[in-house]
N, C-alpha and C. Protein backbone atom coordinates (compact mmCIF):
# COMPACT_ATOMS: atom_id res chain seq x y z
N UNK A 1 -34.76 72.03 99.84
CA UNK A 1 -33.69 72.03 99.21
C UNK A 1 -33.22 71.86 97.83
N UNK A 2 -34.52 71.28 97.22
CA UNK A 2 -34.62 71.82 95.19
C UNK A 2 -34.76 73.32 94.75
N UNK A 3 -36.03 73.94 96.01
CA UNK A 3 -35.93 75.35 95.42
C UNK A 3 -34.45 76.03 95.28
N UNK A 4 -34.05 75.64 96.28
CA UNK A 4 -32.58 76.66 96.63
C UNK A 4 -31.62 75.95 95.38
N UNK A 5 -31.38 74.51 94.91
CA UNK A 5 -31.37 74.33 93.76
C UNK A 5 -31.11 75.08 92.61
N UNK A 6 -32.95 75.30 92.16
CA UNK A 6 -32.99 75.65 91.33
C UNK A 6 -32.89 77.61 91.14
N UNK A 7 -33.02 77.72 91.88
CA UNK A 7 -32.61 79.10 92.43
C UNK A 7 -30.94 79.90 92.31
N UNK A 8 -30.39 78.70 92.53
CA UNK A 8 -28.72 79.10 92.60
C UNK A 8 -27.85 78.92 91.27
N UNK A 9 -28.99 77.70 90.26
CA UNK A 9 -28.94 77.39 89.14
C UNK A 9 -29.12 78.74 88.15
N UNK A 10 -30.17 79.09 88.68
CA UNK A 10 -30.60 80.17 87.68
C UNK A 10 -29.58 81.95 87.57
N UNK A 11 -29.23 81.47 89.11
CA UNK A 11 -28.51 82.89 89.15
C UNK A 11 -26.98 82.73 88.30
N UNK A 12 -26.84 81.21 88.76
CA UNK A 12 -25.37 81.20 87.73
C UNK A 12 -25.46 81.51 86.48
N UNK A 13 -26.89 80.91 85.74
CA UNK A 13 -26.78 81.39 84.24
C UNK A 13 -26.89 82.63 83.69
N UNK A 14 -27.95 83.67 84.85
CA UNK A 14 -27.79 84.77 84.86
C UNK A 14 -26.33 85.28 84.55
N UNK A 15 -25.95 84.44 85.73
CA UNK A 15 -24.14 85.56 85.36
C UNK A 15 -23.30 85.55 84.59
N UNK A 16 -23.79 84.04 83.65
CA UNK A 16 -22.86 84.25 82.50
C UNK A 16 -23.42 84.69 81.38
N UNK A 17 -24.93 84.83 81.58
CA UNK A 17 -25.46 85.94 80.33
C UNK A 17 -24.54 87.26 80.24
N UNK A 18 -24.69 87.76 81.98
CA UNK A 18 -24.52 89.14 82.07
C UNK A 18 -22.89 89.30 81.75
N UNK A 19 -21.66 88.39 81.79
CA UNK A 19 -20.54 88.25 81.74
C UNK A 19 -20.52 88.17 80.48
N UNK A 20 -21.17 87.50 79.48
CA UNK A 20 -20.85 86.73 77.90
C UNK A 20 -21.63 88.60 77.49
N UNK A 21 -22.40 88.81 77.82
CA UNK A 21 -22.92 90.25 77.14
C UNK A 21 -21.92 91.52 77.37
N UNK A 22 -21.41 91.69 78.35
CA UNK A 22 -20.76 92.28 78.90
C UNK A 22 -19.26 92.19 77.80
N UNK A 23 -19.05 90.97 77.47
CA UNK A 23 -17.69 90.90 76.55
C UNK A 23 -17.95 91.29 75.06
N UNK A 24 -18.90 91.18 74.75
CA UNK A 24 -19.41 91.31 73.64
C UNK A 24 -19.32 92.82 73.58
N UNK A 25 -19.96 93.53 74.09
CA UNK A 25 -19.90 95.35 74.70
C UNK A 25 -18.64 95.36 74.42
N UNK A 26 -17.91 95.09 75.25
CA UNK A 26 -15.95 95.54 75.04
C UNK A 26 -15.57 95.28 74.00
N UNK A 27 -15.92 93.83 73.34
CA UNK A 27 -15.52 93.95 72.03
C UNK A 27 -15.51 94.66 71.08
N UNK A 28 -17.12 95.53 70.79
CA UNK A 28 -17.78 95.91 70.07
C UNK A 28 -17.09 97.46 70.01
N UNK A 29 -16.96 98.01 71.68
CA UNK A 29 -16.10 99.05 71.63
C UNK A 29 -15.23 99.03 71.32
N UNK A 30 -14.45 97.88 71.26
CA UNK A 30 -12.92 97.96 71.03
C UNK A 30 -13.34 98.17 69.96
N UNK A 31 -13.85 97.48 69.09
CA UNK A 31 -13.54 97.43 67.07
C UNK A 31 -14.07 98.63 67.17
N UNK A 32 -14.94 99.92 67.56
CA UNK A 32 -15.27 100.71 67.40
C UNK A 32 -14.06 101.67 67.59
N UNK A 33 -13.55 101.31 68.52
CA UNK A 33 -12.24 102.38 68.61
C UNK A 33 -11.04 102.45 67.68
N UNK A 34 -10.79 101.24 67.51
CA UNK A 34 -9.65 100.91 66.72
C UNK A 34 -10.20 101.14 65.48
N UNK A 35 -11.42 101.58 64.81
CA UNK A 35 -12.00 101.87 63.21
C UNK A 35 -11.73 103.37 63.50
N UNK A 36 -12.22 103.78 64.62
CA UNK A 36 -11.77 105.31 64.91
C UNK A 36 -10.85 105.91 64.98
N UNK A 37 -9.20 105.16 65.35
CA UNK A 37 -8.21 105.54 65.52
C UNK A 37 -7.50 105.15 63.94
N UNK A 38 -8.55 104.13 63.10
CA UNK A 38 -7.63 103.89 61.60
C UNK A 38 -8.53 105.49 61.23
N UNK A 39 -9.31 105.94 60.46
CA UNK A 39 -9.64 106.97 60.43
C UNK A 39 -8.92 107.94 60.28
N UNK A 40 -8.67 108.12 62.08
CA UNK A 40 -7.86 109.26 62.47
C UNK A 40 -6.17 109.43 61.70
N UNK A 41 -5.78 108.05 62.07
CA UNK A 41 -4.23 107.67 61.34
C UNK A 41 -4.58 108.12 59.52
N UNK A 42 -5.72 107.84 58.83
CA UNK A 42 -5.26 108.05 57.49
C UNK A 42 -5.42 109.38 57.11
N UNK A 43 -6.06 110.08 58.34
CA UNK A 43 -6.69 111.43 58.21
C UNK A 43 -5.26 112.36 58.15
N UNK A 44 -4.38 111.82 59.22
CA UNK A 44 -3.38 112.72 59.39
C UNK A 44 -2.39 112.52 58.09
N UNK A 45 -2.37 110.75 57.59
CA UNK A 45 -1.82 110.28 56.39
C UNK A 45 -1.32 111.85 55.71
N UNK A 46 -3.26 111.82 55.17
CA UNK A 46 -3.22 112.56 54.05
C UNK A 46 -2.88 113.87 54.42
N UNK A 47 -3.30 114.37 55.20
CA UNK A 47 -3.11 115.61 55.57
C UNK A 47 -1.31 116.07 55.39
N UNK A 48 -0.17 114.88 55.66
CA UNK A 48 1.03 115.03 55.76
C UNK A 48 1.55 114.81 54.32
N UNK A 49 0.43 114.44 53.37
CA UNK A 49 1.31 114.38 52.41
C UNK A 49 1.12 115.38 51.22
N UNK A 50 -0.22 116.44 52.11
CA UNK A 50 -0.46 117.74 51.12
C UNK A 50 0.51 118.82 51.88
N UNK A 51 0.68 119.05 53.41
CA UNK A 51 1.62 119.80 54.19
C UNK A 51 3.34 119.49 53.61
N UNK A 52 3.93 120.46 53.49
CA UNK A 52 5.53 120.71 53.22
C UNK A 52 5.68 120.61 54.91
N UNK A 53 6.98 119.77 54.94
CA UNK A 53 7.42 120.00 56.35
C UNK A 53 8.24 121.32 56.83
N UNK A 54 7.86 121.43 58.06
CA UNK A 54 8.68 122.78 58.06
C UNK A 54 10.22 123.06 58.12
N UNK A 55 10.57 123.75 57.38
CA UNK A 55 11.58 124.46 56.95
C UNK A 55 12.39 124.00 55.75
N UNK A 56 11.46 123.34 54.85
CA UNK A 56 11.39 122.40 53.38
C UNK A 56 12.20 123.72 52.85
N UNK A 57 13.22 123.36 52.02
CA UNK A 57 13.23 124.20 50.67
C UNK A 57 12.80 124.17 49.73
N UNK A 58 12.36 125.49 49.18
CA UNK A 58 11.40 125.15 47.96
C UNK A 58 12.15 124.32 46.71
N UNK A 59 11.53 123.94 45.67
CA UNK A 59 11.51 122.96 44.71
C UNK A 59 12.77 123.79 44.30
N UNK A 60 13.16 122.35 43.11
CA UNK A 60 14.30 122.88 42.55
C UNK A 60 13.71 123.67 41.18
N UNK A 61 13.96 125.15 40.47
CA UNK A 61 13.55 125.64 39.41
C UNK A 61 12.58 126.56 39.86
N UNK A 62 11.96 126.70 41.10
CA UNK A 62 11.21 127.33 42.11
C UNK A 62 11.89 129.00 42.07
N UNK A 63 10.89 129.78 41.88
CA UNK A 63 11.27 131.31 42.40
C UNK A 63 11.31 131.58 43.66
N UNK A 64 12.40 132.86 44.22
CA UNK A 64 12.71 132.55 45.81
C UNK A 64 12.54 134.06 45.71
N UNK A 65 12.18 134.56 46.39
CA UNK A 65 12.36 136.01 47.21
C UNK A 65 12.25 135.93 48.80
N UNK A 66 13.31 135.68 49.22
CA UNK A 66 14.03 135.43 50.71
C UNK A 66 14.67 136.46 51.51
N UNK A 67 14.95 137.95 50.62
CA UNK A 67 16.09 138.74 51.21
C UNK A 67 15.80 139.30 52.47
N UNK A 68 16.64 139.36 53.49
CA UNK A 68 16.49 140.19 54.41
C UNK A 68 15.87 142.23 54.41
N UNK A 69 16.84 142.06 52.72
CA UNK A 69 16.35 143.53 52.85
C UNK A 69 15.38 144.10 51.72
N UNK A 70 15.43 145.54 51.73
CA UNK A 70 14.60 145.51 50.52
C UNK A 70 15.50 146.05 48.89
N UNK A 71 15.24 144.94 48.11
CA UNK A 71 16.13 145.11 47.29
C UNK A 71 15.49 145.77 46.26
N UNK A 72 14.60 146.57 46.21
CA UNK A 72 13.83 146.98 45.12
C UNK A 72 14.55 148.01 44.03
N UNK A 73 14.36 148.42 42.93
CA UNK A 73 15.28 149.39 42.50
C UNK A 73 15.41 149.15 40.92
N UNK A 74 16.12 150.05 40.43
CA UNK A 74 17.08 149.68 38.70
C UNK A 74 18.67 149.33 38.99
N UNK A 75 18.64 148.44 38.89
CA UNK A 75 20.35 147.62 38.63
C UNK A 75 20.95 147.89 37.05
N UNK A 76 22.17 149.27 37.19
CA UNK A 76 22.46 149.72 35.56
C UNK A 76 23.79 149.07 35.91
N UNK A 77 24.05 148.10 34.83
CA UNK A 77 25.06 147.02 34.52
C UNK A 77 26.49 148.82 33.92
N UNK A 78 27.34 148.56 34.73
CA UNK A 78 28.66 149.59 34.64
C UNK A 78 29.42 149.38 33.42
N UNK A 79 29.27 148.45 32.82
CA UNK A 79 30.36 148.47 31.77
C UNK A 79 28.88 147.60 30.63
N UNK A 80 29.46 147.67 29.28
CA UNK A 80 28.40 147.61 28.48
C UNK A 80 28.03 146.09 28.25
N UNK A 81 26.76 145.43 28.00
CA UNK A 81 26.71 143.96 28.48
C UNK A 81 25.44 143.94 27.13
N UNK A 82 25.65 143.27 25.84
CA UNK A 82 25.06 143.02 24.51
C UNK A 82 25.49 141.33 24.25
N UNK A 83 24.37 141.49 23.18
CA UNK A 83 24.14 139.94 22.92
C UNK A 83 23.65 140.21 20.83
N UNK A 84 24.12 140.07 20.05
CA UNK A 84 23.82 140.70 19.41
C UNK A 84 23.19 142.11 18.78
N UNK A 85 22.13 142.53 18.63
CA UNK A 85 21.87 143.73 18.39
C UNK A 85 21.45 144.35 19.51
N UNK A 86 21.23 143.65 20.46
CA UNK A 86 20.73 144.13 21.89
C UNK A 86 21.58 144.57 22.90
N UNK A 87 20.92 145.96 23.86
CA UNK A 87 22.36 145.74 24.57
C UNK A 87 21.38 146.25 25.89
N UNK A 88 21.89 145.35 26.84
CA UNK A 88 21.09 145.85 28.01
C UNK A 88 21.30 146.93 28.85
N UNK A 89 19.73 147.62 29.00
CA UNK A 89 19.78 148.75 29.72
C UNK A 89 19.88 148.35 31.47
N UNK A 90 18.74 147.77 31.89
CA UNK A 90 18.82 147.86 33.39
C UNK A 90 18.54 146.49 33.46
N UNK A 91 18.44 145.89 34.99
CA UNK A 91 17.54 145.04 35.62
C UNK A 91 16.57 145.71 36.62
N UNK A 92 15.39 145.39 36.62
CA UNK A 92 14.29 145.93 37.58
C UNK A 92 13.92 145.11 38.58
N UNK A 93 13.78 145.02 40.12
CA UNK A 93 13.42 144.68 41.10
C UNK A 93 12.09 145.59 41.56
N UNK A 94 11.09 144.67 42.00
CA UNK A 94 9.77 145.69 42.11
C UNK A 94 9.50 146.06 43.31
N UNK A 95 8.68 146.57 44.21
CA UNK A 95 8.65 146.40 45.74
C UNK A 95 7.97 145.14 46.29
N UNK A 96 7.87 145.46 47.44
CA UNK A 96 7.64 144.19 48.14
C UNK A 96 5.76 143.92 48.39
N UNK A 97 5.49 145.04 47.82
CA UNK A 97 4.05 144.99 47.72
C UNK A 97 3.97 144.50 45.93
N UNK A 98 4.58 144.72 44.94
CA UNK A 98 4.74 144.19 43.59
C UNK A 98 4.56 142.69 43.70
N UNK A 99 5.31 142.08 45.02
CA UNK A 99 5.57 140.41 44.95
C UNK A 99 4.08 140.44 45.50
N UNK A 100 3.82 141.03 46.42
CA UNK A 100 2.85 140.49 47.40
C UNK A 100 1.26 140.49 46.27
N UNK A 101 1.52 141.82 45.69
CA UNK A 101 0.02 141.35 44.37
C UNK A 101 0.29 140.50 43.26
N UNK A 102 1.66 140.12 43.10
CA UNK A 102 2.13 138.99 42.29
C UNK A 102 1.69 137.61 42.99
N UNK A 103 1.76 137.03 44.07
CA UNK A 103 1.33 135.94 44.45
C UNK A 103 -0.43 136.05 44.23
N UNK A 104 -0.80 137.15 45.20
CA UNK A 104 -1.90 137.26 45.00
C UNK A 104 -2.99 136.93 43.61
N UNK A 105 -2.15 137.41 42.74
CA UNK A 105 -2.69 137.07 41.46
C UNK A 105 -2.62 135.52 40.55
N UNK A 106 -2.00 134.64 41.49
CA UNK A 106 -1.50 133.83 41.09
C UNK A 106 -0.34 133.50 40.33
N UNK A 107 0.55 134.33 40.39
CA UNK A 107 1.78 134.54 40.08
C UNK A 107 1.68 134.34 38.37
N UNK A 108 1.06 134.87 37.30
CA UNK A 108 1.01 135.22 36.17
C UNK A 108 2.29 135.73 35.54
N UNK A 109 2.54 134.78 34.76
CA UNK A 109 4.08 134.89 33.63
C UNK A 109 4.24 136.77 33.28
N UNK A 110 3.04 136.94 32.74
CA UNK A 110 2.99 138.51 32.13
C UNK A 110 3.10 139.40 33.39
N UNK A 111 2.68 139.07 34.77
CA UNK A 111 3.34 139.94 36.07
C UNK A 111 4.50 140.13 36.57
N UNK A 112 5.38 139.35 36.52
CA UNK A 112 6.35 138.75 37.35
C UNK A 112 7.41 139.92 37.46
N UNK A 113 7.10 140.89 38.77
CA UNK A 113 7.90 141.97 39.41
C UNK A 113 9.45 141.91 39.37
N UNK A 114 10.01 140.94 37.97
CA UNK A 114 11.90 141.18 38.03
C UNK A 114 11.54 141.06 36.57
N UNK A 115 12.47 142.02 35.99
CA UNK A 115 12.76 141.63 34.65
C UNK A 115 13.57 142.65 33.95
N UNK A 116 14.19 142.54 32.89
CA UNK A 116 15.56 143.14 32.36
C UNK A 116 14.65 144.13 30.97
N UNK A 117 15.29 145.41 30.95
CA UNK A 117 15.19 145.71 29.59
C UNK A 117 16.42 146.02 28.94
N UNK A 118 16.35 145.58 27.36
CA UNK A 118 17.28 145.30 26.08
C UNK A 118 16.88 146.39 25.53
N UNK A 119 17.85 147.43 24.89
CA UNK A 119 18.01 148.48 23.98
C UNK A 119 18.54 147.60 22.64
N UNK A 120 17.64 148.10 21.41
CA UNK A 120 18.30 147.60 20.32
C UNK A 120 19.19 148.72 20.21
N UNK A 121 20.37 148.03 19.48
CA UNK A 121 21.82 149.24 19.07
C UNK A 121 21.44 150.11 18.13
N UNK A 122 20.61 150.03 17.35
CA UNK A 122 20.51 150.71 16.24
C UNK A 122 18.77 151.68 16.51
N UNK A 123 18.37 151.56 17.69
CA UNK A 123 16.91 152.28 18.17
C UNK A 123 17.43 153.49 18.23
N UNK A 124 16.07 154.73 17.51
CA UNK A 124 16.48 156.18 17.81
C UNK A 124 15.89 156.09 19.20
N UNK A 125 16.38 157.33 19.97
CA UNK A 125 16.18 157.68 21.22
C UNK A 125 15.92 159.11 21.40
N UNK A 126 14.86 159.08 22.30
CA UNK A 126 14.06 160.28 22.40
C UNK A 126 13.72 160.48 24.06
N UNK A 127 13.58 161.81 24.12
CA UNK A 127 13.72 162.40 25.64
C UNK A 127 12.09 162.73 26.17
N UNK A 128 11.86 161.77 27.32
CA UNK A 128 10.38 161.80 28.13
C UNK A 128 10.02 163.29 28.60
N UNK A 129 9.24 162.99 29.45
CA UNK A 129 8.50 163.71 29.98
C UNK A 129 9.62 164.55 31.47
N UNK A 130 10.50 163.63 31.64
CA UNK A 130 11.31 164.30 32.98
C UNK A 130 12.73 164.22 32.10
N UNK A 131 12.63 164.88 31.42
CA UNK A 131 14.10 164.92 30.17
C UNK A 131 15.01 164.09 29.86
N UNK A 132 14.54 162.61 30.35
CA UNK A 132 15.85 161.54 30.38
C UNK A 132 15.21 160.93 28.96
N UNK A 133 16.31 160.58 28.71
CA UNK A 133 16.56 159.69 27.40
C UNK A 133 16.21 158.21 27.52
N UNK A 134 15.48 157.98 26.14
CA UNK A 134 15.20 156.35 26.48
C UNK A 134 15.04 155.99 24.73
N UNK A 135 15.63 154.44 24.38
CA UNK A 135 15.39 153.80 23.67
C UNK A 135 13.90 153.65 22.99
N UNK A 136 13.82 154.09 21.68
CA UNK A 136 12.36 153.39 21.42
C UNK A 136 12.18 152.32 21.25
N UNK A 137 13.10 151.47 20.11
CA UNK A 137 13.04 149.94 20.12
C UNK A 137 13.30 148.97 21.36
N UNK A 138 12.93 148.85 22.12
CA UNK A 138 13.29 148.23 23.74
C UNK A 138 12.26 147.04 23.63
N UNK A 139 12.90 146.14 24.60
CA UNK A 139 12.20 144.70 24.65
C UNK A 139 12.06 144.50 26.03
N UNK A 140 11.54 144.42 27.33
CA UNK A 140 11.29 143.75 28.23
C UNK A 140 10.79 142.40 28.55
N UNK A 141 11.93 141.97 28.97
CA UNK A 141 12.04 140.44 29.28
C UNK A 141 11.87 140.53 30.91
N UNK A 142 10.60 139.50 31.29
CA UNK A 142 10.60 139.35 32.81
C UNK A 142 11.17 138.08 32.84
N UNK A 143 11.73 137.75 34.37
CA UNK A 143 12.03 136.25 34.82
C UNK A 143 11.37 135.41 34.73
N UNK A 144 11.61 133.96 34.02
CA UNK A 144 11.00 133.19 33.99
C UNK A 144 11.33 132.51 35.28
N UNK A 145 12.37 132.46 35.67
CA UNK A 145 12.86 132.19 37.72
C UNK A 145 14.23 133.37 37.75
N UNK A 146 13.75 133.37 39.29
CA UNK A 146 14.49 134.50 40.04
C UNK A 146 14.62 133.99 41.20
N UNK A 147 15.83 133.94 42.51
CA UNK A 147 16.19 133.81 43.49
C UNK A 147 16.53 135.60 43.82
N UNK A 148 16.52 135.79 44.98
CA UNK A 148 16.50 137.27 45.59
C UNK A 148 16.47 136.57 47.34
N UNK A 149 17.75 136.35 47.45
CA UNK A 149 17.97 136.04 48.72
C UNK A 149 19.70 136.56 49.44
N UNK A 150 19.27 136.72 50.96
CA UNK A 150 20.78 137.17 51.16
C UNK A 150 21.99 136.35 50.90
N UNK A 151 22.93 137.18 50.08
CA UNK A 151 24.14 136.53 49.25
C UNK A 151 23.81 135.91 48.27
N UNK A 152 22.70 135.42 47.75
CA UNK A 152 22.38 134.86 46.61
C UNK A 152 21.23 135.93 45.37
N UNK A 153 21.56 135.90 44.39
CA UNK A 153 20.68 136.45 43.04
C UNK A 153 20.74 135.63 42.14
N UNK A 154 19.75 135.14 41.32
CA UNK A 154 19.43 134.82 39.93
C UNK A 154 18.29 135.24 39.47
N UNK A 155 18.88 135.77 37.88
CA UNK A 155 17.77 135.87 37.16
C UNK A 155 17.64 134.68 35.60
N UNK A 156 16.68 134.20 35.64
CA UNK A 156 16.79 133.27 34.26
C UNK A 156 15.69 133.90 33.20
N UNK A 157 15.80 133.84 31.95
CA UNK A 157 14.89 133.77 31.40
C UNK A 157 14.85 132.98 30.17
N UNK A 158 14.13 133.72 28.98
CA UNK A 158 14.59 133.69 27.46
C UNK A 158 13.68 134.23 26.59
N UNK A 159 14.18 134.87 25.35
CA UNK A 159 12.97 135.81 24.93
C UNK A 159 13.07 135.58 23.64
N UNK A 160 12.43 135.38 22.47
CA UNK A 160 11.96 134.87 21.29
C UNK A 160 13.40 135.71 20.41
N UNK A 161 13.40 136.84 20.55
CA UNK A 161 14.22 137.72 20.04
C UNK A 161 15.87 137.63 20.51
N UNK A 162 16.23 137.84 21.72
CA UNK A 162 17.10 138.32 22.70
C UNK A 162 18.01 137.02 22.60
N UNK A 163 17.06 135.91 23.14
CA UNK A 163 17.53 134.53 23.65
C UNK A 163 17.77 134.33 25.03
N UNK A 164 18.59 133.21 25.46
CA UNK A 164 18.47 132.80 26.49
C UNK A 164 19.66 133.79 27.66
N UNK A 165 18.56 134.25 28.60
CA UNK A 165 19.37 135.37 30.21
C UNK A 165 19.48 134.16 30.86
N UNK A 166 20.52 134.40 31.65
CA UNK A 166 21.01 134.09 32.66
C UNK A 166 21.87 134.99 33.97
N UNK A 167 21.77 135.21 34.44
CA UNK A 167 22.55 136.21 35.34
C UNK A 167 22.36 135.57 36.99
N UNK A 168 23.75 135.59 37.62
CA UNK A 168 23.90 134.86 38.92
C UNK A 168 24.75 135.75 39.60
N UNK A 169 24.88 135.73 40.98
CA UNK A 169 25.82 136.99 41.93
C UNK A 169 25.10 136.88 42.78
N UNK A 170 25.66 138.26 43.62
CA UNK A 170 24.77 137.97 44.91
C UNK A 170 24.76 139.94 44.44
N UNK A 171 23.73 140.39 45.82
CA UNK A 171 23.14 141.93 46.11
C UNK A 171 23.95 142.44 47.21
N UNK A 172 25.09 143.38 47.22
CA UNK A 172 25.29 143.60 48.61
C UNK A 172 23.88 144.72 49.00
N UNK A 173 23.48 144.82 50.43
CA UNK A 173 22.67 145.76 50.94
C UNK A 173 23.18 146.80 51.15
N UNK A 174 24.64 146.91 51.33
CA UNK A 174 25.07 148.25 51.96
C UNK A 174 25.30 149.17 50.72
N UNK A 175 24.94 148.82 49.37
CA UNK A 175 25.94 149.33 48.31
C UNK A 175 24.27 149.71 47.72
N UNK A 176 23.15 150.11 48.52
CA UNK A 176 22.16 150.16 47.75
C UNK A 176 21.82 151.67 48.18
N UNK A 177 21.63 152.39 46.53
CA UNK A 177 21.01 153.49 47.32
C UNK A 177 20.39 153.89 48.43
N UNK A 178 20.80 155.11 49.24
CA UNK A 178 19.72 155.68 49.88
C UNK A 178 18.49 156.80 48.77
N UNK A 179 17.88 157.08 49.75
CA UNK A 179 16.50 158.05 49.09
C UNK A 179 17.26 159.45 48.68
N UNK A 180 18.11 159.59 49.22
CA UNK A 180 18.55 161.25 49.46
C UNK A 180 19.83 161.16 48.90
N UNK A 181 21.02 159.63 49.70
CA UNK A 181 22.73 160.54 49.34
C UNK A 181 22.89 159.77 47.91
N UNK A 182 22.10 159.23 47.00
CA UNK A 182 22.08 159.08 45.66
C UNK A 182 23.10 157.50 45.69
N UNK A 183 24.04 157.42 44.49
CA UNK A 183 24.66 156.01 44.25
C UNK A 183 25.77 156.10 44.97
N UNK A 184 26.25 155.03 45.78
CA UNK A 184 27.60 154.85 46.55
C UNK A 184 28.32 154.84 45.42
N UNK A 185 28.64 154.70 44.17
CA UNK A 185 29.66 154.41 43.56
C UNK A 185 29.89 153.35 43.84
N UNK A 186 29.97 152.32 44.30
CA UNK A 186 30.49 150.46 44.67
C UNK A 186 29.25 150.42 43.94
N UNK A 187 29.26 148.74 43.09
CA UNK A 187 28.40 148.33 42.46
C UNK A 187 27.37 147.55 43.90
N UNK A 188 26.12 147.06 43.05
CA UNK A 188 25.65 146.64 44.18
C UNK A 188 25.15 145.41 43.87
N UNK A 189 25.26 144.82 42.84
CA UNK A 189 25.22 143.49 41.98
C UNK A 189 26.53 143.09 41.43
N UNK A 190 26.86 142.23 41.79
CA UNK A 190 28.53 141.58 41.55
C UNK A 190 27.96 139.71 41.19
N UNK A 191 28.48 139.32 39.91
CA UNK A 191 28.47 138.07 39.21
C UNK A 191 29.05 138.02 37.98
N UNK A 192 28.15 136.84 37.53
CA UNK A 192 28.62 136.43 36.28
C UNK A 192 27.11 136.79 35.48
N UNK A 193 27.32 136.28 34.26
CA UNK A 193 26.17 136.36 33.14
C UNK A 193 26.20 135.20 31.77
N UNK A 194 25.24 134.79 31.48
CA UNK A 194 25.41 134.54 30.33
C UNK A 194 24.28 134.65 29.26
N UNK A 195 24.95 134.74 28.22
CA UNK A 195 24.12 135.72 27.18
C UNK A 195 23.67 134.58 25.90
N UNK A 196 22.58 133.88 25.83
CA UNK A 196 22.64 132.66 24.62
C UNK A 196 24.07 131.87 24.30
N UNK A 197 24.59 131.41 25.64
CA UNK A 197 25.90 130.46 26.10
C UNK A 197 26.83 131.34 26.12
N UNK A 198 27.09 132.41 25.70
CA UNK A 198 28.29 133.28 25.91
C UNK A 198 28.73 133.75 27.08
N UNK A 199 29.80 133.23 27.94
CA UNK A 199 30.07 133.62 29.38
C UNK A 199 30.62 134.93 29.68
N UNK A 200 29.91 135.59 30.51
CA UNK A 200 30.41 136.71 30.61
C UNK A 200 30.70 136.82 32.44
N UNK A 201 31.98 137.26 33.00
CA UNK A 201 32.82 137.12 34.35
C UNK A 201 33.11 138.56 34.48
N UNK A 202 32.57 138.38 35.88
CA UNK A 202 33.12 139.77 36.54
C UNK A 202 32.02 141.12 36.20
N UNK A 203 30.48 140.50 35.45
CA UNK A 203 29.77 141.87 35.52
C UNK A 203 29.11 142.63 36.82
N UNK A 204 28.99 143.93 36.64
CA UNK A 204 28.30 144.34 38.02
C UNK A 204 27.13 145.75 38.22
N UNK A 205 26.50 145.78 38.43
CA UNK A 205 25.49 146.79 38.03
C UNK A 205 25.61 147.76 39.94
N UNK A 206 25.38 148.74 38.94
CA UNK A 206 25.36 149.96 40.09
C UNK A 206 23.71 150.12 41.05
N UNK A 207 22.98 150.48 41.88
CA UNK A 207 21.35 150.43 42.46
C UNK A 207 21.23 151.92 41.88
N UNK A 208 19.77 151.97 42.09
CA UNK A 208 19.05 153.35 41.47
C UNK A 208 17.90 153.35 41.85
N UNK A 209 17.22 153.85 42.72
CA UNK A 209 15.53 153.54 43.35
C UNK A 209 14.96 154.44 42.19
N UNK A 210 15.34 155.49 41.46
CA UNK A 210 14.41 155.82 40.51
C UNK A 210 14.06 157.30 40.72
N UNK A 211 13.58 158.11 40.03
CA UNK A 211 12.64 158.89 40.46
C UNK A 211 11.38 158.81 41.07
């Protein structure tokens, strides 16, 4: 009887020890799991800080090109636009590949594929190899910010000699010149403009692909 009692007591002690060990193991695994979950949540939070939410609008002041049509080419003012001694000759928008190269290069300010060319009012005129006249004294002003989108166009820039330039409006893709047909006779870009604080309403531009 004594041997049976001792055996039973030993069995009980071993069972309690096993249950205690199992409890520690479960507690340890639970702690490890909690730590892993915490690390994963931290990584997700960090990623969320860097990633922009889907469909987020570009930051204010950012340049945008989201137009669903090809807007490249020359936009020629239909009437004289002048500030001081400088006369606007044309607005130019580059090809899609120009914008791709621009982004790939890190978007340097001296390679923005959207610009205006102003001629000095008293500039001498010469003829190029294609028989076209051009003003010798001219300035190319690249956009510091632009927006080319369906139903919306903006050009924002400043030049040391010409001053502040802001053009806003919209491009009508139906009035963009075809490769053979020539100009449509209807302005492709219409809107308003500000030159050094002077507001010009109802400015318009014909489109020309160029030679």
